[in-house]
Amino acid sequence: MKILAHRGWWHAPAEKNTEAAFRRAFEHGFGVETDVRDQNGLLKISHDMPIGDSGMDLDGFLDLHKAHAQAGAIALNIKADGLQGAIRSALDRSGVSDLFCFDMAVPDALGYLRAGFSSYTRHSEIEPVPAFYDRADGVWLDAFFDDWITPDIIERHRAAGKKVALVSPELHGRDPAAAWALWRGLRGDDLSICTDLPDRAAEFLDIAPGGPNGGKS
């Protein structure tokens, strides 16, 4: 299993989606989940609408990832439509390839699939039938309201040939201990967990950061 540090490995909320949080995650061999949207013709790392000059450019974020050979994968949360061409150009400039896109609107997702992006569909209580499942490389498996994601649900997706990214419960304000206990025995490079607590998750789930894939398990 691999670690995706949610908006980087931050120590205080103000560090989310900042260079400091990304650098800390990459230095420890973790991957990162982050957000991209456009502002005045530039791609910006920002969960919410960027204001002024706040937020990194996507180019700077990708350069930071490339500078850390031990860095894990990037999960790119798409926050605006029509960014496929600009994102492809940024990836080509950087040479970064260990990346998948997710959470784009369904019509917009078709453009990512046509352009050959690695794309994940979403499965949650609200989306029990994941869109474009047959064409997706993976599944972003989320639990908004309670801990319903059991190993058998995860294994059904893996048996269908899908990679799986698990959303840890603390992202929705819940204690992650029960879910982590359920997932602790799961292994495989096709499995990742998106968490606000990358160090604690790595220790509890017996994932060793620092390798080229951000973990041994």
C-alpha atoms as a PDB file:
ATOM      1  CA  MET A   1       0.000   0.000   0.000  1.00  0.00           C
ATOM      2  CA  LYS A   2       1.168   3.538  -0.749  1.00  0.00           C
ATOM      3  CA  ILE A   3       0.629   6.825   1.065  1.00  0.00           C
ATOM      4  CA  LEU A   4      -0.938   9.909  -0.555  1.00  0.00           C
ATOM      5  CA  ALA A   5      -0.501  12.867   1.779  1.00  0.00           C
ATOM      6  CA  HIS A   6      -3.697  14.911   1.481  1.00  0.00           C
ATOM      7  CA  ARG A   7      -2.652  18.389   0.256  1.00  0.00           C
ATOM      8  CA  GLY A   8       0.867  17.516   1.347  1.00  0.00           C
ATOM      9  CA  TRP A   9       2.207  16.564   4.768  1.00  0.00           C
ATOM     10  CA  TRP A  10       1.105  19.615   6.726  1.00  0.00           C
ATOM     11  CA  HIS A  11       1.561  20.333  10.427  1.00  0.00           C
ATOM     12  CA  ALA A  12      -1.001  23.141  10.600  1.00  0.00           C
ATOM     13  CA  PRO A  13      -4.018  23.802   8.340  1.00  0.00           C
ATOM     14  CA  ALA A  14      -2.368  26.903   6.871  1.00  0.00           C
ATOM     15  CA  GLU A  15       0.309  24.630   5.360  1.00  0.00           C
ATOM     16  CA  LYS A  16      -2.136  22.695   3.181  1.00  0.00           C
ATOM     17  CA  ASN A  17      -1.218  22.799  -0.515  1.00  0.00           C
ATOM     18  CA  THR A  18       1.995  24.713   0.180  1.00  0.00           C
ATOM     19  CA  GLU A  19       5.547  24.084  -0.932  1.00  0.00           C
ATOM     20  CA  ALA A  20       6.564  23.268   2.650  1.00  0.00           C
ATOM     21  CA  ALA A  21       3.930  20.531   2.943  1.00  0.00           C
ATOM     22  CA  PHE A  22       4.748  19.056  -0.474  1.00  0.00           C
ATOM     23  CA  ARG A  23       8.483  19.108   0.171  1.00  0.00           C
ATOM     24  CA  ARG A  24       8.035  17.368   3.550  1.00  0.00           C
ATOM     25  CA  ALA A  25       5.927  14.631   1.934  1.00  0.00           C
ATOM     26  CA  PHE A  26       8.280  14.080  -0.990  1.00  0.00           C
ATOM     27  CA  GLU A  27      11.384  14.048   1.224  1.00  0.00           C
ATOM     28  CA  HIS A  28       9.831  11.198   3.214  1.00  0.00           C
ATOM     29  CA  GLY A  29       8.907   9.174   0.132  1.00  0.00           C
ATOM     30  CA  PHE A  30       5.181   9.836   0.296  1.00  0.00           C
ATOM     31  CA  GLY A  31       2.920  10.624  -2.619  1.00  0.00           C
ATOM     32  CA  VAL A  32       0.628  13.647  -2.592  1.00  0.00           C
ATOM     33  CA  GLU A  33      -3.002  14.386  -3.337  1.00  0.00           C
ATOM     34  CA  THR A  34      -3.475  17.983  -4.443  1.00  0.00           C
ATOM     35  CA  ASP A  35      -5.820  20.274  -6.366  1.00  0.00           C
ATOM     36  CA  VAL A  36      -5.432  22.071  -9.679  1.00  0.00           C
ATOM     37  CA  ARG A  37      -7.495  24.842 -11.260  1.00  0.00           C
ATOM     38  CA  ASP A  38      -6.845  27.717 -13.635  1.00  0.00           C
ATOM     39  CA  GLN A  39      -6.311  31.412 -12.936  1.00  0.00           C
ATOM     40  CA  ASN A  40      -5.665  33.972 -15.659  1.00  0.00           C
ATOM     41  CA  GLY A  41      -4.356  31.331 -18.032  1.00  0.00           C
ATOM     42  CA  LEU A  42      -2.106  29.620 -15.462  1.00  0.00           C
ATOM     43  CA  LEU A  43      -2.579  26.285 -13.723  1.00  0.00           C
ATOM     44  CA  LYS A  44      -2.545  26.808  -9.968  1.00  0.00           C
ATOM     45  CA  ILE A  45      -2.371  24.441  -7.020  1.00  0.00           C
ATOM     46  CA  SER A  46      -5.451  25.490  -5.056  1.00  0.00           C
ATOM     47  CA  HIS A  47      -8.473  23.757  -3.544  1.00  0.00           C
ATOM     48  CA  ASP A  48     -10.577  26.914  -3.574  1.00  0.00           C
ATOM     49  CA  MET A  49     -10.672  29.750  -6.085  1.00  0.00           C
ATOM     50  CA  PRO A  50      -7.212  31.381  -5.941  1.00  0.00           C
ATOM     51  CA  ILE A  51      -6.983  35.037  -5.018  1.00  0.00           C
ATOM     52  CA  GLY A  52      -4.117  37.249  -6.112  1.00  0.00           C
ATOM     53  CA  ASP A  53      -0.749  35.538  -6.367  1.00  0.00           C
ATOM     54  CA  SER A  54      -1.443  32.894  -3.724  1.00  0.00           C
ATOM     55  CA  GLY A  55      -0.676  29.273  -4.442  1.00  0.00           C
ATOM     56  CA  MET A  56       2.008  27.447  -6.411  1.00  0.00           C
ATOM     57  CA  ASP A  57       1.931  27.083 -10.165  1.00  0.00           C
ATOM     58  CA  LEU A  58       1.516  23.507 -11.355  1.00  0.00           C
ATOM     59  CA  ASP A  59       4.900  23.758 -13.096  1.00  0.00           C
ATOM     60  CA  GLY A  60       6.618  24.557  -9.789  1.00  0.00           C
ATOM     61  CA  PHE A  61       4.837  21.701  -8.040  1.00  0.00           C
ATOM     62  CA  LEU A  62       5.876  19.208 -10.722  1.00  0.00           C
ATOM     63  CA  ASP A  63       9.469  20.449 -10.633  1.00  0.00           C
ATOM     64  CA  LEU A  64       9.486  19.914  -6.860  1.00  0.00           C
ATOM     65  CA  HIS A  65       8.237  16.356  -7.320  1.00  0.00           C
ATOM     66  CA  LYS A  66      10.851  15.633  -9.981  1.00  0.00           C
ATOM     67  CA  ALA A  67      13.610  16.938  -7.698  1.00  0.00           C
ATOM     68  CA  HIS A  68      12.839  14.169  -5.170  1.00  0.00           C
ATOM     69  CA  ALA A  69      13.616  10.782  -6.673  1.00  0.00           C
ATOM     70  CA  GLN A  70      12.010   9.025  -3.709  1.00  0.00           C
ATOM     71  CA  ALA A  71       8.684  10.884  -4.060  1.00  0.00           C
ATOM     72  CA  GLY A  72       5.522   8.820  -4.414  1.00  0.00           C
ATOM     73  CA  ALA A  73       2.688   9.248  -6.882  1.00  0.00           C
ATOM     74  CA  ILE A  74       0.606  12.370  -7.475  1.00  0.00           C
ATOM     75  CA  ALA A  75      -3.194  12.266  -7.284  1.00  0.00           C
ATOM     76  CA  LEU A  76      -4.406  15.362  -9.111  1.00  0.00           C
ATOM     77  CA  ASN A  77      -7.875  16.530  -8.069  1.00  0.00           C
ATOM     78  CA  ILE A  78      -9.303  18.407 -11.061  1.00  0.00           C
ATOM     79  CA  LYS A  79     -11.197  21.495  -9.882  1.00  0.00           C
ATOM     80  CA  ALA A  80     -12.130  23.088 -13.234  1.00  0.00           C
ATOM     81  CA  ASP A  81     -13.180  21.948 -16.698  1.00  0.00           C
ATOM     82  CA  GLY A  82     -11.127  22.084 -19.868  1.00  0.00           C
ATOM     83  CA  LEU A  83      -7.635  21.794 -18.391  1.00  0.00           C
ATOM     84  CA  GLN A  84      -6.530  18.684 -20.266  1.00  0.00           C
ATOM     85  CA  GLY A  85      -4.304  20.405 -22.826  1.00  0.00           C
ATOM     86  CA  ALA A  86      -2.597  22.652 -20.286  1.00  0.00           C
ATOM     87  CA  ILE A  87      -1.990  19.783 -17.864  1.00  0.00           C
ATOM     88  CA  ARG A  88      -0.580  17.608 -20.640  1.00  0.00           C
ATOM     89  CA  SER A  89       1.812  20.410 -21.622  1.00  0.00           C
ATOM     90  CA  ALA A  90       2.942  20.808 -18.001  1.00  0.00           C
ATOM     91  CA  LEU A  91       3.579  17.062 -17.667  1.00  0.00           C
ATOM     92  CA  ASP A  92       5.530  17.003 -20.913  1.00  0.00           C
ATOM     93  CA  ARG A  93       7.710  19.902 -19.731  1.00  0.00           C
ATOM     94  CA  SER A  94       8.409  18.298 -16.373  1.00  0.00           C
ATOM     95  CA  GLY A  95       8.747  14.683 -17.417  1.00  0.00           C
ATOM     96  CA  VAL A  96       6.585  13.613 -14.467  1.00  0.00           C
ATOM     97  CA  SER A  97       4.517  10.521 -15.266  1.00  0.00           C
ATOM     98  CA  ASP A  98       3.628   8.958 -11.884  1.00  0.00           C
ATOM     99  CA  LEU A  99       0.289  10.775 -11.716  1.00  0.00           C
ATOM    100  CA  PHE A 100      -3.420  10.134 -12.034  1.00  0.00           C
ATOM    101  CA  CYS A 101      -6.372  12.512 -12.324  1.00  0.00           C
ATOM    102  CA  PHE A 102      -9.686  12.240 -10.517  1.00  0.00           C
ATOM    103  CA  ASP A 103     -12.848  14.107  -9.478  1.00  0.00           C
ATOM    104  CA  MET A 104     -13.365  15.868 -12.794  1.00  0.00           C
ATOM    105  CA  ALA A 105     -16.957  16.340 -13.946  1.00  0.00           C
ATOM    106  CA  VAL A 106     -18.143  13.324 -15.923  1.00  0.00           C
ATOM    107  CA  PRO A 107     -18.355  15.116 -19.320  1.00  0.00           C
ATOM    108  CA  ASP A 108     -14.904  16.605 -18.703  1.00  0.00           C
ATOM    109  CA  ALA A 109     -13.546  13.181 -17.731  1.00  0.00           C
ATOM    110  CA  LEU A 110     -14.192  11.949 -21.255  1.00  0.00           C
ATOM    111  CA  GLY A 111     -11.579  14.417 -22.485  1.00  0.00           C
ATOM    112  CA  TYR A 112      -8.994  13.002 -20.054  1.00  0.00           C
ATOM    113  CA  LEU A 113      -9.747   9.486 -21.203  1.00  0.00           C
ATOM    114  CA  ARG A 114      -9.473  10.458 -24.873  1.00  0.00           C
ATOM    115  CA  ALA A 115      -6.154  12.190 -24.169  1.00  0.00           C
ATOM    116  CA  GLY A 116      -4.732   9.088 -22.498  1.00  0.00           C
ATOM    117  CA  PHE A 117      -4.522  10.361 -18.918  1.00  0.00           C
ATOM    118  CA  SER A 118      -4.516   7.849 -16.104  1.00  0.00           C
ATOM    119  CA  SER A 119      -7.951   8.559 -14.595  1.00  0.00           C
ATOM    120  CA  TYR A 120      -9.795   7.314 -11.513  1.00  0.00           C
ATOM    121  CA  THR A 121     -13.551   7.156 -11.141  1.00  0.00           C
ATOM    122  CA  ARG A 122     -15.299   7.695  -7.797  1.00  0.00           C
ATOM    123  CA  HIS A 123     -17.238   5.168  -5.725  1.00  0.00           C
ATOM    124  CA  SER A 124     -19.028   6.389  -2.590  1.00  0.00           C
ATOM    125  CA  GLU A 125     -22.385   6.205  -0.831  1.00  0.00           C
ATOM    126  CA  ILE A 126     -23.516   9.007  -3.163  1.00  0.00           C
ATOM    127  CA  GLU A 127     -22.030   7.399  -6.284  1.00  0.00           C
ATOM    128  CA  PRO A 128     -22.795   3.669  -5.913  1.00  0.00           C
ATOM    129  CA  VAL A 129     -22.342   3.131  -9.675  1.00  0.00           C
ATOM    130  CA  PRO A 130     -19.000   4.681 -10.674  1.00  0.00           C
ATOM    131  CA  ALA A 131     -19.001   6.593 -13.951  1.00  0.00           C
ATOM    132  CA  PHE A 132     -16.791   5.448 -16.883  1.00  0.00           C
ATOM    133  CA  TYR A 133     -15.809   2.410 -14.799  1.00  0.00           C
ATOM    134  CA  ASP A 134     -14.844   0.263 -17.778  1.00  0.00           C
ATOM    135  CA  ARG A 135     -12.323   2.875 -18.978  1.00  0.00           C
ATOM    136  CA  ALA A 136     -10.923   4.021 -15.616  1.00  0.00           C
ATOM    137  CA  ASP A 137      -7.520   2.885 -14.394  1.00  0.00           C
ATOM    138  CA  GLY A 138      -8.617   3.078 -10.795  1.00  0.00           C
ATOM    139  CA  VAL A 139     -11.286   3.884  -8.228  1.00  0.00           C
ATOM    140  CA  TRP A 140     -11.277   6.710  -5.689  1.00  0.00           C
ATOM    141  CA  LEU A 141     -13.085   4.934  -2.860  1.00  0.00           C
ATOM    142  CA  ASP A 142     -14.696   7.397  -0.464  1.00  0.00           C
ATOM    143  CA  ALA A 143     -16.883   7.209   2.646  1.00  0.00           C
ATOM    144  CA  PHE A 144     -18.563  10.512   3.465  1.00  0.00           C
ATOM    145  CA  PHE A 145     -20.831   9.456   6.318  1.00  0.00           C
ATOM    146  CA  ASP A 146     -19.626   6.210   7.897  1.00  0.00           C
ATOM    147  CA  ASP A 147     -16.975   3.513   7.528  1.00  0.00           C
ATOM    148  CA  TRP A 148     -18.596   1.258   4.940  1.00  0.00           C
ATOM    149  CA  ILE A 149     -15.450   0.404   2.942  1.00  0.00           C
ATOM    150  CA  THR A 150     -14.596  -3.188   3.826  1.00  0.00           C
ATOM    151  CA  PRO A 151     -11.811  -5.352   2.377  1.00  0.00           C
ATOM    152  CA  ASP A 152     -14.281  -7.325   0.257  1.00  0.00           C
ATOM    153  CA  ILE A 153     -15.459  -4.111  -1.481  1.00  0.00           C
ATOM    154  CA  ILE A 154     -11.841  -3.150  -2.136  1.00  0.00           C
ATOM    155  CA  GLU A 155     -11.000  -6.599  -3.464  1.00  0.00           C
ATOM    156  CA  ARG A 156     -13.940  -6.580  -5.884  1.00  0.00           C
ATOM    157  CA  HIS A 157     -12.471  -3.501  -7.563  1.00  0.00           C
ATOM    158  CA  ARG A 158      -9.004  -5.008  -7.617  1.00  0.00           C
ATOM    159  CA  ALA A 159     -10.374  -8.211  -9.104  1.00  0.00           C
ATOM    160  CA  ALA A 160     -11.870  -6.078 -11.891  1.00  0.00           C
ATOM    161  CA  GLY A 161      -8.363  -4.843 -12.676  1.00  0.00           C
ATOM    162  CA  LYS A 162      -8.715  -1.456 -10.973  1.00  0.00           C
ATOM    163  CA  LYS A 163      -6.224   0.305  -8.758  1.00  0.00           C
ATOM    164  CA  VAL A 164      -7.831   1.605  -5.572  1.00  0.00           C
ATOM    165  CA  ALA A 165      -7.243   4.809  -3.601  1.00  0.00           C
ATOM    166  CA  LEU A 166      -8.857   4.750  -0.157  1.00  0.00           C
ATOM    167  CA  VAL A 167     -10.003   8.014   1.439  1.00  0.00           C
ATOM    168  CA  SER A 168      -9.114   7.941   5.127  1.00  0.00           C
ATOM    169  CA  PRO A 169     -12.006   8.911   7.464  1.00  0.00           C
ATOM    170  CA  GLU A 170     -10.239  11.885   9.080  1.00  0.00           C
ATOM    171  CA  LEU A 171     -10.719  13.776   5.805  1.00  0.00           C
ATOM    172  CA  HIS A 172     -14.406  13.834   6.768  1.00  0.00           C
ATOM    173  CA  GLY A 173     -13.872  14.542  10.466  1.00  0.00           C
ATOM    174  CA  ARG A 174     -14.010  10.949  11.760  1.00  0.00           C
ATOM    175  CA  ASP A 175     -11.497   8.952  13.758  1.00  0.00           C
ATOM    176  CA  PRO A 176      -9.637   6.705  11.279  1.00  0.00           C
ATOM    177  CA  ALA A 177      -8.713   3.938  13.738  1.00  0.00           C
ATOM    178  CA  ALA A 178     -11.566   1.544  12.902  1.00  0.00           C
ATOM    179  CA  ALA A 179     -11.111   1.855   9.136  1.00  0.00           C
ATOM    180  CA  TRP A 180      -7.340   1.513   9.396  1.00  0.00           C
ATOM    181  CA  ALA A 181      -7.794  -1.657  11.425  1.00  0.00           C
ATOM    182  CA  LEU A 182      -9.958  -3.088   8.627  1.00  0.00           C
ATOM    183  CA  TRP A 183      -7.395  -2.185   5.981  1.00  0.00           C
ATOM    184  CA  ARG A 184      -4.251  -3.106   7.866  1.00  0.00           C
ATOM    185  CA  GLY A 185      -3.741  -6.476   6.224  1.00  0.00           C
ATOM    186  CA  LEU A 186      -4.142  -5.213   2.670  1.00  0.00           C
ATOM    187  CA  ARG A 187      -1.057  -5.239   0.462  1.00  0.00           C
ATOM    188  CA  GLY A 188      -0.128  -4.297  -3.088  1.00  0.00           C
ATOM    189  CA  ASP A 189       1.272  -1.503  -5.244  1.00  0.00           C
ATOM    190  CA  ASP A 190      -2.196  -1.093  -6.776  1.00  0.00           C
ATOM    191  CA  LEU A 191      -3.537   0.216  -3.447  1.00  0.00           C
ATOM    192  CA  SER A 192      -3.079   3.620  -1.798  1.00  0.00           C
ATOM    193  CA  ILE A 193      -4.544   5.621   1.065  1.00  0.00           C
ATOM    194  CA  CYS A 194      -5.158   9.372   1.014  1.00  0.00           C
ATOM    195  CA  THR A 195      -4.648  10.727   4.521  1.00  0.00           C
ATOM    196  CA  ASP A 196      -4.077  13.862   6.564  1.00  0.00           C
ATOM    197  CA  LEU A 197      -1.886  11.764   8.874  1.00  0.00           C
ATOM    198  CA  PRO A 198       0.730  10.182   6.590  1.00  0.00           C
ATOM    199  CA  ASP A 199       3.262   9.367   9.301  1.00  0.00           C
ATOM    200  CA  ARG A 200       0.681   7.803  11.620  1.00  0.00           C
ATOM    201  CA  ALA A 201      -0.971   5.890   8.766  1.00  0.00           C
ATOM    202  CA  ALA A 202       2.380   4.564   7.591  1.00  0.00           C
ATOM    203  CA  GLU A 203       3.215   3.311  11.075  1.00  0.00           C
ATOM    204  CA  PHE A 204      -0.216   1.780  11.784  1.00  0.00           C
ATOM    205  CA  LEU A 205      -0.567   0.144   8.358  1.00  0.00           C
ATOM    206  CA  ASP A 206       3.054  -1.022   8.295  1.00  0.00           C
ATOM    207  CA  ILE A 207       3.979   1.014   5.236  1.00  0.00           C
ATOM    208  CA  ALA A 208       7.648   1.934   5.012  1.00  0.00           C
ATOM    209  CA  PRO A 209       8.122   5.388   3.446  1.00  0.00           C
ATOM    210  CA  GLY A 210      11.281   6.363   1.624  1.00  0.00           C
ATOM    211  CA  GLY A 211      11.298   3.868  -1.253  1.00  0.00           C
ATOM    212  CA  PRO A 212      10.718   4.772  -4.895  1.00  0.00           C
ATOM    213  CA  ASN A 213       7.081   3.824  -4.531  1.00  0.00           C
ATOM    214  CA  GLY A 214       6.583   5.512  -1.156  1.00  0.00           C
ATOM    215  CA  GLY A 215       6.219   2.190   0.653  1.00  0.00           C
ATOM    216  CA  LYS A 216       7.078  -1.483   0.800  1.00  0.00           C
ATOM    217  CA  SER A 217       3.596  -2.923   1.148  1.00  0.00           C
END
